């Protein structure tokens, strides 16, 4: 097996970023409040299920102040189809109590990850939706799969993958993480559709290259 050649990843990912530039996240949020809530609910749950329960949820709870005033017992019936719904109901009420109003939703990485139920992946999704300053690379299960197949990352740990991609790319290309997620949903699936993929020239999986571990 040949080793992966030296790849100029900044150049290699540009077609991918261009392909998915402006593509909306699969969570069908209409505003920042909704995206915050839906991101919390989506952990270990498909985006499709979150989208299905969202209309009734947001009709009953149209903003953070309405969640802050409710109880888990009132909130849970609207999110009971979501995995880990009891903890998520508690997290949402704590977030709403802490922030109080939609206009106070933080848009910095530090501010977001301090909130219950929000890690770096969720924070990057929220910041991208809001058009806030980029502070990291979004890494979900699709990004994990695609980045390792490409060879731009060599880990199964999302935090490590984020670091490796950030080390390979300048900040202006960090939306590559979200682009990889879209690619993973459409083409680079568990059983990949390689003939349709625009990343073939740089892909270790497609070309049969051995990838040396990244620091």
N, C-alpha and C. Protein backbone atom coordinates (compact mmCIF):
# COMPACT_ATOMS: atom_id res chain seq x y z
N UNK A 1 0.84 -1.20 0.00
CA UNK A 1 0.00 0.00 0.00
C UNK A 1 0.88 1.25 0.00
N UNK A 2 0.63 2.15 -0.93
CA UNK A 2 1.40 3.39 -1.00
C UNK A 2 0.97 4.35 0.10
N UNK A 3 1.94 5.13 0.54
CA UNK A 3 1.62 6.16 1.53
C UNK A 3 0.92 7.33 0.85
N UNK A 4 0.07 7.99 1.59
CA UNK A 4 -0.62 9.16 1.05
C UNK A 4 0.41 10.24 0.69
N UNK A 5 0.35 10.78 -0.51
CA UNK A 5 1.30 11.84 -0.86
C UNK A 5 1.01 13.11 -0.06
N UNK A 6 1.91 14.04 -0.14
CA UNK A 6 1.71 15.33 0.53
C UNK A 6 0.52 16.04 -0.12
N UNK A 7 -0.48 16.34 0.68
CA UNK A 7 -1.69 16.98 0.16
C UNK A 7 -1.75 18.44 0.63
N UNK A 8 -1.97 19.35 -0.29
CA UNK A 8 -2.25 20.74 0.08
C UNK A 8 -3.74 20.81 0.42
N UNK A 9 -4.04 20.61 1.70
CA UNK A 9 -5.44 20.50 2.09
C UNK A 9 -6.22 21.79 1.89
N UNK A 10 -5.56 22.92 2.03
CA UNK A 10 -6.25 24.19 1.77
C UNK A 10 -6.79 24.22 0.34
N UNK A 11 -5.98 23.77 -0.59
CA UNK A 11 -6.40 23.72 -1.99
C UNK A 11 -7.40 22.59 -2.21
N UNK A 12 -7.16 21.46 -1.56
CA UNK A 12 -7.99 20.27 -1.81
C UNK A 12 -9.44 20.44 -1.36
N UNK A 13 -9.65 21.16 -0.25
CA UNK A 13 -11.01 21.26 0.29
C UNK A 13 -11.82 22.40 -0.33
N UNK A 14 -11.18 23.26 -1.10
CA UNK A 14 -11.91 24.40 -1.66
C UNK A 14 -13.11 24.00 -2.50
N UNK A 15 -12.98 23.00 -3.40
CA UNK A 15 -14.17 22.59 -4.17
C UNK A 15 -15.30 22.09 -3.27
N UNK A 16 -14.94 21.42 -2.19
CA UNK A 16 -15.93 20.90 -1.25
C UNK A 16 -16.66 22.04 -0.54
N UNK A 17 -15.90 23.01 -0.06
CA UNK A 17 -16.49 24.15 0.62
C UNK A 17 -17.37 24.94 -0.35
N UNK A 18 -16.90 25.11 -1.58
CA UNK A 18 -17.67 25.83 -2.59
C UNK A 18 -18.98 25.11 -2.89
N UNK A 19 -18.93 23.78 -2.95
CA UNK A 19 -20.12 22.99 -3.26
C UNK A 19 -21.22 23.21 -2.22
N UNK A 20 -20.83 23.31 -0.95
CA UNK A 20 -21.82 23.39 0.12
C UNK A 20 -21.93 24.78 0.75
N UNK A 21 -21.29 25.76 0.15
CA UNK A 21 -21.35 27.12 0.69
C UNK A 21 -22.80 27.59 0.77
N UNK A 22 -23.19 28.06 1.92
CA UNK A 22 -24.55 28.56 2.09
C UNK A 22 -25.60 27.50 2.32
N UNK A 23 -25.20 26.22 2.30
CA UNK A 23 -26.16 25.15 2.55
C UNK A 23 -26.62 25.21 4.00
N UNK A 24 -27.92 25.18 4.19
CA UNK A 24 -28.46 25.28 5.54
C UNK A 24 -28.31 23.95 6.28
N UNK A 25 -28.14 24.06 7.57
CA UNK A 25 -28.07 22.87 8.41
C UNK A 25 -29.39 22.11 8.31
N UNK A 26 -29.36 20.78 8.39
CA UNK A 26 -30.60 20.00 8.29
C UNK A 26 -31.64 20.30 9.36
N UNK A 27 -31.22 20.85 10.49
CA UNK A 27 -32.20 21.28 11.49
C UNK A 27 -32.94 22.51 10.95
N UNK A 28 -34.25 22.42 10.89
CA UNK A 28 -35.05 23.46 10.22
C UNK A 28 -35.45 24.58 11.18
N UNK A 29 -34.45 25.24 11.72
CA UNK A 29 -34.69 26.34 12.65
C UNK A 29 -35.00 27.63 11.90
N UNK A 30 -35.90 28.41 12.46
CA UNK A 30 -36.29 29.68 11.83
C UNK A 30 -35.61 30.88 12.47
N UNK A 31 -35.01 30.69 13.62
CA UNK A 31 -34.30 31.78 14.29
C UNK A 31 -33.27 31.19 15.25
N UNK A 32 -32.49 32.06 15.87
CA UNK A 32 -31.39 31.61 16.72
C UNK A 32 -31.89 30.84 17.94
N UNK A 33 -32.99 31.29 18.54
CA UNK A 33 -33.57 30.58 19.67
C UNK A 33 -33.92 29.15 19.29
N UNK A 34 -34.57 28.99 18.16
CA UNK A 34 -34.96 27.65 17.72
C UNK A 34 -33.74 26.77 17.45
N UNK A 35 -32.70 27.34 16.85
CA UNK A 35 -31.50 26.55 16.58
C UNK A 35 -30.84 26.11 17.87
N UNK A 36 -30.77 26.98 18.84
CA UNK A 36 -30.20 26.63 20.14
C UNK A 36 -30.94 25.45 20.75
N UNK A 37 -32.26 25.52 20.79
CA UNK A 37 -33.07 24.46 21.37
C UNK A 37 -32.93 23.16 20.57
N UNK A 38 -32.98 23.27 19.25
CA UNK A 38 -32.94 22.08 18.40
C UNK A 38 -31.58 21.39 18.45
N UNK A 39 -30.53 22.17 18.59
CA UNK A 39 -29.20 21.58 18.70
C UNK A 39 -29.08 20.78 20.00
N UNK A 40 -29.60 21.34 21.08
CA UNK A 40 -29.58 20.61 22.36
C UNK A 40 -30.37 19.30 22.24
N UNK A 41 -31.52 19.36 21.59
CA UNK A 41 -32.37 18.18 21.45
C UNK A 41 -31.77 17.13 20.50
N UNK A 42 -30.93 17.56 19.56
CA UNK A 42 -30.47 16.66 18.49
C UNK A 42 -29.36 15.70 18.91
N UNK A 43 -28.76 15.91 20.07
CA UNK A 43 -27.68 15.02 20.50
C UNK A 43 -28.20 13.59 20.61
N UNK A 44 -27.56 12.66 19.90
CA UNK A 44 -27.92 11.24 19.87
C UNK A 44 -29.33 11.00 19.33
N UNK A 45 -29.86 11.97 18.61
CA UNK A 45 -31.19 11.86 18.01
C UNK A 45 -31.10 12.39 16.58
N UNK A 46 -31.84 11.80 15.65
CA UNK A 46 -31.75 12.25 14.27
C UNK A 46 -32.36 13.64 14.10
N UNK A 47 -31.79 14.39 13.17
CA UNK A 47 -32.33 15.73 12.88
C UNK A 47 -33.78 15.64 12.44
N UNK A 48 -34.13 14.58 11.74
CA UNK A 48 -35.50 14.43 11.24
C UNK A 48 -36.52 14.38 12.36
N UNK A 49 -36.21 13.64 13.43
CA UNK A 49 -37.13 13.57 14.57
C UNK A 49 -37.26 14.94 15.23
N UNK A 50 -36.15 15.65 15.37
CA UNK A 50 -36.20 16.99 15.97
C UNK A 50 -37.07 17.91 15.11
N UNK A 51 -36.91 17.84 13.78
CA UNK A 51 -37.72 18.67 12.89
C UNK A 51 -39.20 18.34 13.00
N UNK A 52 -39.53 17.08 13.23
CA UNK A 52 -40.92 16.67 13.33
C UNK A 52 -41.59 17.24 14.58
N UNK A 53 -40.87 17.20 15.71
CA UNK A 53 -41.49 17.66 16.96
C UNK A 53 -41.42 19.19 17.14
N UNK A 54 -40.58 19.83 16.33
CA UNK A 54 -40.32 21.27 16.53
C UNK A 54 -41.55 22.18 16.41
N UNK A 55 -42.42 22.02 15.41
CA UNK A 55 -43.54 22.96 15.28
C UNK A 55 -44.43 23.05 16.52
N UNK A 56 -44.81 21.92 17.07
CA UNK A 56 -45.65 21.94 18.28
C UNK A 56 -44.88 22.48 19.47
N UNK A 57 -43.61 22.12 19.56
CA UNK A 57 -42.78 22.62 20.67
C UNK A 57 -42.70 24.14 20.66
N UNK A 58 -42.42 24.71 19.49
CA UNK A 58 -42.22 26.16 19.42
C UNK A 58 -43.54 26.93 19.42
N UNK A 59 -44.62 26.26 19.10
CA UNK A 59 -45.93 26.90 19.26
C UNK A 59 -46.24 27.06 20.74
N UNK A 60 -45.88 26.06 21.52
CA UNK A 60 -46.12 26.11 22.97
C UNK A 60 -45.09 26.97 23.69
N UNK A 61 -43.85 26.95 23.18
CA UNK A 61 -42.76 27.68 23.82
C UNK A 61 -42.04 28.51 22.76
N UNK A 62 -42.53 29.71 22.46
CA UNK A 62 -42.02 30.50 21.34
C UNK A 62 -40.70 31.21 21.60
N UNK A 63 -40.23 31.22 22.84
CA UNK A 63 -38.99 31.93 23.16
C UNK A 63 -38.40 31.39 24.47
N UNK A 64 -37.21 31.86 24.80
CA UNK A 64 -36.54 31.39 26.01
C UNK A 64 -37.31 31.75 27.28
N UNK A 65 -37.91 32.93 27.30
CA UNK A 65 -38.62 33.33 28.52
C UNK A 65 -39.78 32.40 28.82
N UNK A 66 -40.40 31.85 27.78
CA UNK A 66 -41.51 30.90 28.00
C UNK A 66 -41.00 29.58 28.56
N UNK A 67 -39.80 29.16 28.15
CA UNK A 67 -39.21 27.94 28.70
C UNK A 67 -38.76 28.17 30.14
N UNK A 68 -38.24 29.36 30.41
CA UNK A 68 -37.77 29.68 31.76
C UNK A 68 -38.90 29.62 32.79
N UNK A 69 -40.11 29.87 32.33
CA UNK A 69 -41.26 29.91 33.23
C UNK A 69 -41.95 28.56 33.39
N UNK A 70 -41.51 27.55 32.62
CA UNK A 70 -42.21 26.28 32.66
C UNK A 70 -41.51 25.28 33.58
N UNK A 71 -42.03 24.07 33.62
CA UNK A 71 -41.48 23.00 34.43
C UNK A 71 -41.15 21.82 33.52
N UNK A 72 -40.28 20.91 33.98
CA UNK A 72 -40.00 19.73 33.17
C UNK A 72 -41.27 18.95 32.83
N UNK A 73 -42.20 18.89 33.75
CA UNK A 73 -43.44 18.14 33.53
C UNK A 73 -44.25 18.69 32.37
N UNK A 74 -44.22 19.99 32.18
CA UNK A 74 -44.95 20.61 31.08
C UNK A 74 -44.16 20.53 29.76
N UNK A 75 -42.85 20.57 29.86
CA UNK A 75 -42.01 20.56 28.67
C UNK A 75 -41.85 19.16 28.08
N UNK A 76 -41.72 18.16 28.94
CA UNK A 76 -41.40 16.80 28.50
C UNK A 76 -42.39 16.24 27.47
N UNK A 77 -43.71 16.44 27.59
CA UNK A 77 -44.60 15.86 26.58
C UNK A 77 -44.29 16.30 25.14
N UNK A 78 -43.68 17.47 24.99
CA UNK A 78 -43.37 17.98 23.65
C UNK A 78 -42.08 17.38 23.09
N UNK A 79 -41.23 16.81 23.96
CA UNK A 79 -39.93 16.30 23.51
C UNK A 79 -39.74 14.83 23.87
N UNK A 80 -40.79 14.13 24.20
CA UNK A 80 -40.68 12.75 24.70
C UNK A 80 -40.19 11.76 23.65
N UNK A 81 -40.24 12.14 22.36
CA UNK A 81 -39.73 11.27 21.29
C UNK A 81 -38.22 11.39 21.13
N UNK A 82 -37.63 12.34 21.86
CA UNK A 82 -36.21 12.62 21.78
C UNK A 82 -35.46 11.75 22.80
N UNK A 83 -34.35 11.18 22.39
CA UNK A 83 -33.55 10.39 23.33
C UNK A 83 -33.03 11.27 24.46
N UNK A 84 -33.02 10.72 25.68
CA UNK A 84 -32.52 11.44 26.86
C UNK A 84 -33.35 12.69 27.15
N UNK A 85 -34.67 12.61 26.90
CA UNK A 85 -35.52 13.80 26.96
C UNK A 85 -35.60 14.41 28.36
N UNK A 86 -35.50 13.61 29.41
CA UNK A 86 -35.59 14.16 30.77
C UNK A 86 -34.42 15.10 31.06
N UNK A 87 -33.22 14.64 30.73
CA UNK A 87 -32.05 15.50 30.95
C UNK A 87 -32.10 16.73 30.06
N UNK A 88 -32.56 16.55 28.82
CA UNK A 88 -32.60 17.67 27.88
C UNK A 88 -33.64 18.71 28.31
N UNK A 89 -34.74 18.26 28.87
CA UNK A 89 -35.72 19.21 29.41
C UNK A 89 -35.10 20.04 30.52
N UNK A 90 -34.35 19.37 31.38
CA UNK A 90 -33.67 20.07 32.48
C UNK A 90 -32.64 21.06 31.95
N UNK A 91 -31.87 20.63 30.94
CA UNK A 91 -30.86 21.52 30.36
C UNK A 91 -31.51 22.76 29.75
N UNK A 92 -32.58 22.57 29.00
CA UNK A 92 -33.23 23.70 28.34
C UNK A 92 -33.78 24.69 29.34
N UNK A 93 -34.36 24.19 30.41
CA UNK A 93 -34.89 25.10 31.43
C UNK A 93 -33.75 25.85 32.13
N UNK A 94 -32.65 25.16 32.39
CA UNK A 94 -31.49 25.82 33.00
C UNK A 94 -30.91 26.89 32.07
N UNK A 95 -30.81 26.55 30.78
CA UNK A 95 -30.31 27.53 29.80
C UNK A 95 -31.21 28.75 29.76
N UNK A 96 -32.53 28.51 29.68
CA UNK A 96 -33.49 29.62 29.59
C UNK A 96 -33.47 30.47 30.86
N UNK A 97 -33.34 29.83 32.01
CA UNK A 97 -33.29 30.56 33.27
C UNK A 97 -32.03 31.41 33.36
N UNK A 98 -30.94 30.86 32.83
CA UNK A 98 -29.66 31.57 32.87
C UNK A 98 -29.62 32.73 31.88
N UNK A 99 -30.07 32.50 30.65
CA UNK A 99 -29.98 33.53 29.60
C UNK A 99 -31.15 34.52 29.68
N UNK A 100 -32.34 33.99 29.99
CA UNK A 100 -33.57 34.76 30.19
C UNK A 100 -34.27 35.21 28.92
N UNK A 101 -33.54 35.71 27.92
CA UNK A 101 -34.20 36.21 26.70
C UNK A 101 -33.37 35.87 25.47
N UNK A 102 -34.07 35.78 24.35
CA UNK A 102 -33.43 35.35 23.10
C UNK A 102 -32.27 36.24 22.70
N UNK A 103 -32.40 37.53 22.94
CA UNK A 103 -31.36 38.48 22.51
C UNK A 103 -30.07 38.33 23.29
N UNK A 104 -30.11 37.57 24.38
CA UNK A 104 -28.92 37.39 25.21
C UNK A 104 -28.19 36.08 24.92
N UNK A 105 -28.63 35.35 23.91
CA UNK A 105 -27.94 34.10 23.56
C UNK A 105 -26.50 34.41 23.17
N UNK A 106 -25.52 33.80 23.85
CA UNK A 106 -24.12 34.11 23.54
C UNK A 106 -23.72 33.55 22.17
N UNK A 107 -22.80 34.25 21.53
CA UNK A 107 -22.32 33.80 20.22
C UNK A 107 -20.81 33.63 20.19
N UNK A 108 -20.22 33.41 21.37
CA UNK A 108 -18.81 33.07 21.46
C UNK A 108 -18.70 31.60 21.87
N UNK A 109 -17.60 30.97 21.52
CA UNK A 109 -17.41 29.58 21.89
C UNK A 109 -17.44 29.41 23.40
N UNK A 110 -16.72 30.28 24.12
CA UNK A 110 -16.68 30.16 25.57
C UNK A 110 -18.06 30.33 26.18
N UNK A 111 -18.82 31.29 25.68
CA UNK A 111 -20.15 31.54 26.22
C UNK A 111 -21.10 30.39 25.97
N UNK A 112 -21.00 29.77 24.81
CA UNK A 112 -21.92 28.69 24.45
C UNK A 112 -21.60 27.39 25.18
N UNK A 113 -20.32 27.03 25.27
CA UNK A 113 -19.99 25.73 25.88
C UNK A 113 -20.19 25.74 27.39
N UNK A 114 -20.39 26.91 27.97
CA UNK A 114 -20.71 26.98 29.39
C UNK A 114 -22.16 26.57 29.67
N UNK A 115 -22.99 26.56 28.63
CA UNK A 115 -24.40 26.22 28.80
C UNK A 115 -24.58 24.71 28.87
N UNK A 116 -25.55 24.24 29.67
CA UNK A 116 -25.79 22.80 29.78
C UNK A 116 -26.16 22.18 28.43
N UNK A 117 -25.57 21.02 28.14
CA UNK A 117 -25.93 20.29 26.94
C UNK A 117 -25.31 20.79 25.65
N UNK A 118 -24.41 21.76 25.74
CA UNK A 118 -23.78 22.32 24.54
C UNK A 118 -22.26 22.14 24.61
N UNK A 119 -21.74 21.36 23.65
CA UNK A 119 -20.30 21.20 23.51
C UNK A 119 -19.80 21.97 22.30
N UNK A 120 -18.59 21.70 21.90
CA UNK A 120 -17.99 22.46 20.79
C UNK A 120 -18.72 22.22 19.48
N UNK A 121 -19.13 20.97 19.23
CA UNK A 121 -19.85 20.69 17.98
C UNK A 121 -21.12 21.53 17.91
N UNK A 122 -21.91 21.50 18.99
CA UNK A 122 -23.16 22.25 19.02
C UNK A 122 -22.89 23.75 18.90
N UNK A 123 -21.87 24.22 19.59
CA UNK A 123 -21.54 25.65 19.54
C UNK A 123 -21.16 26.08 18.12
N UNK A 124 -20.38 25.24 17.43
CA UNK A 124 -20.00 25.57 16.06
C UNK A 124 -21.21 25.62 15.13
N UNK A 125 -22.19 24.73 15.34
CA UNK A 125 -23.41 24.74 14.54
C UNK A 125 -24.20 26.04 14.80
N UNK A 126 -24.34 26.40 16.05
CA UNK A 126 -25.09 27.61 16.41
C UNK A 126 -24.41 28.85 15.84
N UNK A 127 -23.08 28.92 15.99
CA UNK A 127 -22.34 30.08 15.50
C UNK A 127 -22.43 30.19 13.98
N UNK A 128 -22.39 29.05 13.29
CA UNK A 128 -22.51 29.07 11.82
C UNK A 128 -23.88 29.58 11.41
N UNK A 129 -24.92 29.12 12.10
CA UNK A 129 -26.28 29.56 11.80
C UNK A 129 -26.41 31.07 11.97
N UNK A 130 -25.77 31.60 13.01
CA UNK A 130 -25.87 33.02 13.33
C UNK A 130 -24.92 33.88 12.50
N UNK A 131 -24.01 33.25 11.75
CA UNK A 131 -23.02 34.01 11.00
C UNK A 131 -21.99 34.66 11.92
N UNK A 132 -21.77 34.06 13.08
CA UNK A 132 -20.82 34.61 14.05
C UNK A 132 -19.39 34.26 13.66
N UNK A 133 -18.44 34.89 14.32
CA UNK A 133 -17.03 34.66 14.02
C UNK A 133 -16.68 33.18 14.19
N UNK A 134 -15.95 32.63 13.24
CA UNK A 134 -15.55 31.23 13.30
C UNK A 134 -14.49 31.04 14.38
N UNK A 135 -14.73 30.06 15.25
CA UNK A 135 -13.76 29.77 16.30
C UNK A 135 -13.35 28.30 16.33
N UNK A 136 -13.91 27.51 15.42
CA UNK A 136 -13.58 26.10 15.43
C UNK A 136 -14.12 25.40 14.20
N UNK A 137 -13.99 24.08 14.19
CA UNK A 137 -14.45 23.23 13.10
C UNK A 137 -15.56 22.32 13.64
N UNK A 138 -16.69 22.32 12.97
CA UNK A 138 -17.80 21.46 13.37
C UNK A 138 -17.47 20.01 13.04
N UNK A 139 -17.50 19.15 14.04
CA UNK A 139 -17.21 17.73 13.84
C UNK A 139 -18.38 16.90 14.39
N UNK A 140 -19.15 16.30 13.48
CA UNK A 140 -20.19 15.36 13.89
C UNK A 140 -19.79 13.96 13.39
N UNK A 141 -20.69 13.00 13.52
CA UNK A 141 -20.32 11.63 13.14
C UNK A 141 -19.99 11.51 11.66
N UNK A 142 -20.61 12.36 10.82
CA UNK A 142 -20.31 12.33 9.38
C UNK A 142 -18.92 12.90 9.13
N UNK A 143 -18.58 13.99 9.82
CA UNK A 143 -17.25 14.58 9.69
C UNK A 143 -16.18 13.61 10.14
N UNK A 144 -16.45 12.87 11.20
CA UNK A 144 -15.50 11.87 11.69
C UNK A 144 -15.19 10.87 10.58
N UNK A 145 -16.22 10.34 9.95
CA UNK A 145 -16.05 9.34 8.90
C UNK A 145 -15.32 9.91 7.69
N UNK A 146 -15.77 11.07 7.22
CA UNK A 146 -15.22 11.65 5.99
C UNK A 146 -13.77 12.09 6.20
N UNK A 147 -13.49 12.74 7.31
CA UNK A 147 -12.13 13.25 7.55
C UNK A 147 -11.11 12.12 7.62
N UNK A 148 -11.51 11.00 8.21
CA UNK A 148 -10.59 9.87 8.30
C UNK A 148 -10.43 9.17 6.96
N UNK A 149 -11.49 9.10 6.18
CA UNK A 149 -11.36 8.51 4.85
C UNK A 149 -10.47 9.37 3.96
N UNK A 150 -10.65 10.67 4.06
CA UNK A 150 -9.80 11.56 3.27
C UNK A 150 -8.34 11.45 3.70
N UNK A 151 -8.13 11.37 5.02
CA UNK A 151 -6.78 11.35 5.56
C UNK A 151 -6.36 12.70 6.09
N UNK A 152 -7.28 13.65 6.16
CA UNK A 152 -6.96 14.96 6.76
C UNK A 152 -6.94 14.85 8.28
N UNK A 153 -7.55 13.79 8.80
CA UNK A 153 -7.53 13.52 10.23
C UNK A 153 -7.32 12.03 10.44
N UNK A 154 -6.78 11.68 11.61
CA UNK A 154 -6.51 10.27 11.92
C UNK A 154 -6.88 9.99 13.37
N UNK A 155 -8.14 10.14 13.68
CA UNK A 155 -8.61 9.90 15.04
C UNK A 155 -10.11 9.64 14.99
N UNK A 156 -10.63 9.00 16.02
CA UNK A 156 -12.07 8.85 16.17
C UNK A 156 -12.62 9.83 17.20
N UNK A 157 -11.74 10.59 17.84
CA UNK A 157 -12.12 11.55 18.87
C UNK A 157 -12.46 12.89 18.21
N UNK A 158 -13.71 13.34 18.29
CA UNK A 158 -14.09 14.60 17.64
C UNK A 158 -13.21 15.79 18.02
N UNK A 159 -12.83 15.88 19.28
CA UNK A 159 -11.98 17.00 19.71
C UNK A 159 -10.61 16.94 19.03
N UNK A 160 -10.06 15.74 18.93
CA UNK A 160 -8.77 15.58 18.27
C UNK A 160 -8.88 15.86 16.78
N UNK A 161 -9.98 15.39 16.17
CA UNK A 161 -10.20 15.65 14.75
C UNK A 161 -10.31 17.15 14.49
N UNK A 162 -11.02 17.85 15.35
CA UNK A 162 -11.15 19.30 15.20
C UNK A 162 -9.77 19.95 15.23
N UNK A 163 -8.95 19.55 16.18
CA UNK A 163 -7.59 20.10 16.29
C UNK A 163 -6.78 19.80 15.03
N UNK A 164 -6.87 18.57 14.54
CA UNK A 164 -6.09 18.18 13.37
C UNK A 164 -6.50 18.96 12.13
N UNK A 165 -7.81 19.14 11.95
CA UNK A 165 -8.28 19.91 10.79
C UNK A 165 -7.88 21.38 10.92
N UNK A 166 -7.99 21.93 12.13
CA UNK A 166 -7.59 23.32 12.35
C UNK A 166 -6.11 23.52 12.08
N UNK A 167 -5.31 22.50 12.35
CA UNK A 167 -3.87 22.58 12.09
C UNK A 167 -3.55 22.48 10.59
N UNK A 168 -4.43 21.82 9.83
CA UNK A 168 -4.20 21.61 8.41
C UNK A 168 -4.72 22.77 7.55
N UNK A 169 -5.69 23.52 8.07
CA UNK A 169 -6.37 24.53 7.27
C UNK A 169 -6.32 25.90 7.92
N UNK A 170 -6.27 26.97 7.12
CA UNK A 170 -6.40 28.31 7.69
C UNK A 170 -7.84 28.54 8.16
N UNK A 171 -7.99 29.49 9.02
CA UNK A 171 -9.30 29.75 9.64
C UNK A 171 -10.41 29.95 8.61
N UNK A 172 -10.10 30.60 7.50
CA UNK A 172 -11.13 30.90 6.50
C UNK A 172 -11.69 29.63 5.85
N UNK A 173 -11.00 28.49 6.02
CA UNK A 173 -11.45 27.22 5.44
C UNK A 173 -12.05 26.28 6.49
N UNK A 174 -12.28 26.78 7.70
CA UNK A 174 -12.75 25.89 8.76
C UNK A 174 -14.19 25.43 8.57
N UNK A 175 -14.93 26.02 7.65
CA UNK A 175 -16.26 25.50 7.35
C UNK A 175 -16.17 24.14 6.66
N UNK A 176 -14.96 23.70 6.39
CA UNK A 176 -14.75 22.37 5.80
C UNK A 176 -15.39 21.28 6.65
N UNK A 177 -15.42 21.46 7.96
CA UNK A 177 -16.03 20.46 8.83
C UNK A 177 -17.51 20.26 8.52
N UNK A 178 -18.24 21.35 8.35
CA UNK A 178 -19.65 21.26 8.01
C UNK A 178 -19.81 20.72 6.60
N UNK A 179 -18.92 21.12 5.69
CA UNK A 179 -18.97 20.62 4.32
C UNK A 179 -18.75 19.11 4.28
N UNK A 180 -17.83 18.62 5.11
CA UNK A 180 -17.61 17.18 5.20
C UNK A 180 -18.86 16.47 5.72
N UNK A 181 -19.56 17.11 6.64
CA UNK A 181 -20.79 16.53 7.17
C UNK A 181 -21.83 16.39 6.07
N UNK A 182 -21.99 17.43 5.26
CA UNK A 182 -22.94 17.36 4.14
C UNK A 182 -22.53 16.27 3.15
N UNK A 183 -21.23 16.19 2.87
CA UNK A 183 -20.73 15.15 1.96
C UNK A 183 -21.01 13.76 2.52
N UNK A 184 -20.83 13.62 3.84
CA UNK A 184 -21.07 12.33 4.49
C UNK A 184 -22.53 11.91 4.46
N UNK A 185 -23.42 12.88 4.50
CA UNK A 185 -24.85 12.59 4.44
C UNK A 185 -25.28 12.17 3.02
N UNK A 186 -24.67 12.81 2.02
CA UNK A 186 -25.11 12.62 0.65
C UNK A 186 -24.34 11.54 -0.11
N UNK A 187 -23.03 11.53 0.05
CA UNK A 187 -22.17 10.70 -0.81
C UNK A 187 -21.25 9.78 -0.03
N UNK A 188 -20.50 10.33 0.91
CA UNK A 188 -19.52 9.54 1.66
C UNK A 188 -20.22 8.86 2.84
N UNK A 189 -21.21 8.06 2.52
CA UNK A 189 -22.02 7.34 3.51
C UNK A 189 -21.22 6.15 4.03
N UNK A 190 -21.76 5.44 5.02
CA UNK A 190 -21.06 4.22 5.47
C UNK A 190 -20.69 3.31 4.30
N UNK A 191 -21.60 3.16 3.33
CA UNK A 191 -21.25 2.55 2.04
C UNK A 191 -21.14 3.69 1.04
N UNK A 192 -19.92 4.15 0.74
CA UNK A 192 -19.75 5.40 -0.01
C UNK A 192 -20.07 5.29 -1.49
N UNK A 193 -20.48 6.41 -2.06
CA UNK A 193 -20.74 6.50 -3.49
C UNK A 193 -19.53 7.19 -4.15
N UNK A 194 -18.40 6.52 -4.10
CA UNK A 194 -17.12 7.11 -4.52
C UNK A 194 -17.14 7.68 -5.95
N UNK A 195 -17.76 7.01 -6.93
CA UNK A 195 -17.73 7.56 -8.29
C UNK A 195 -18.35 8.95 -8.40
N UNK A 196 -19.22 9.30 -7.45
CA UNK A 196 -19.89 10.60 -7.49
C UNK A 196 -19.16 11.68 -6.70
N UNK A 197 -18.05 11.33 -6.06
CA UNK A 197 -17.42 12.24 -5.09
C UNK A 197 -16.36 13.13 -5.72
N UNK A 198 -16.45 14.42 -5.45
CA UNK A 198 -15.49 15.37 -6.00
C UNK A 198 -14.16 15.36 -5.24
N UNK A 199 -14.09 14.64 -4.11
CA UNK A 199 -12.87 14.61 -3.32
C UNK A 199 -11.96 13.43 -3.67
N UNK A 200 -12.28 12.71 -4.71
CA UNK A 200 -11.50 11.53 -5.08
C UNK A 200 -10.00 11.81 -5.26
N UNK A 201 -9.59 12.92 -5.89
CA UNK A 201 -8.15 13.13 -6.10
C UNK A 201 -7.33 13.18 -4.82
N UNK A 202 -7.97 13.59 -3.71
CA UNK A 202 -7.22 13.74 -2.46
C UNK A 202 -7.55 12.66 -1.44
N UNK A 203 -8.43 11.74 -1.79
CA UNK A 203 -8.99 10.81 -0.80
C UNK A 203 -8.14 9.55 -0.63
N UNK A 204 -7.68 9.33 0.60
CA UNK A 204 -6.86 8.16 0.89
C UNK A 204 -7.68 6.87 0.73
N UNK A 205 -8.92 6.90 1.16
CA UNK A 205 -9.79 5.71 1.07
C UNK A 205 -9.98 5.31 -0.39
N UNK A 206 -10.29 6.26 -1.25
CA UNK A 206 -10.54 5.97 -2.66
C UNK A 206 -9.27 5.50 -3.37
N UNK A 207 -8.16 6.15 -3.05
CA UNK A 207 -6.91 5.85 -3.74
C UNK A 207 -6.11 4.71 -3.11
N UNK A 208 -6.58 4.20 -1.98
CA UNK A 208 -5.89 3.10 -1.33
C UNK A 208 -4.57 3.49 -0.69
N UNK A 209 -4.48 4.74 -0.23
CA UNK A 209 -3.24 5.21 0.40
C UNK A 209 -3.21 4.91 1.89
N UNK A 210 -2.03 4.62 2.37
CA UNK A 210 -1.81 4.48 3.82
C UNK A 210 -1.59 5.88 4.41
N UNK A 211 -2.29 6.20 5.47
CA UNK A 211 -2.21 7.53 6.07
C UNK A 211 -1.39 7.45 7.36
N UNK A 212 -0.38 8.29 7.44
CA UNK A 212 0.40 8.35 8.68
C UNK A 212 -0.39 9.13 9.73
N UNK A 213 -0.33 8.67 10.99
CA UNK A 213 -1.08 9.37 12.05
C UNK A 213 -0.69 10.83 12.17
N UNK A 214 -1.71 11.68 12.36
CA UNK A 214 -1.47 13.10 12.53
C UNK A 214 -1.24 13.41 14.02
N UNK A 215 -0.40 14.38 14.31
CA UNK A 215 -0.18 14.75 15.71
C UNK A 215 -1.43 15.38 16.32
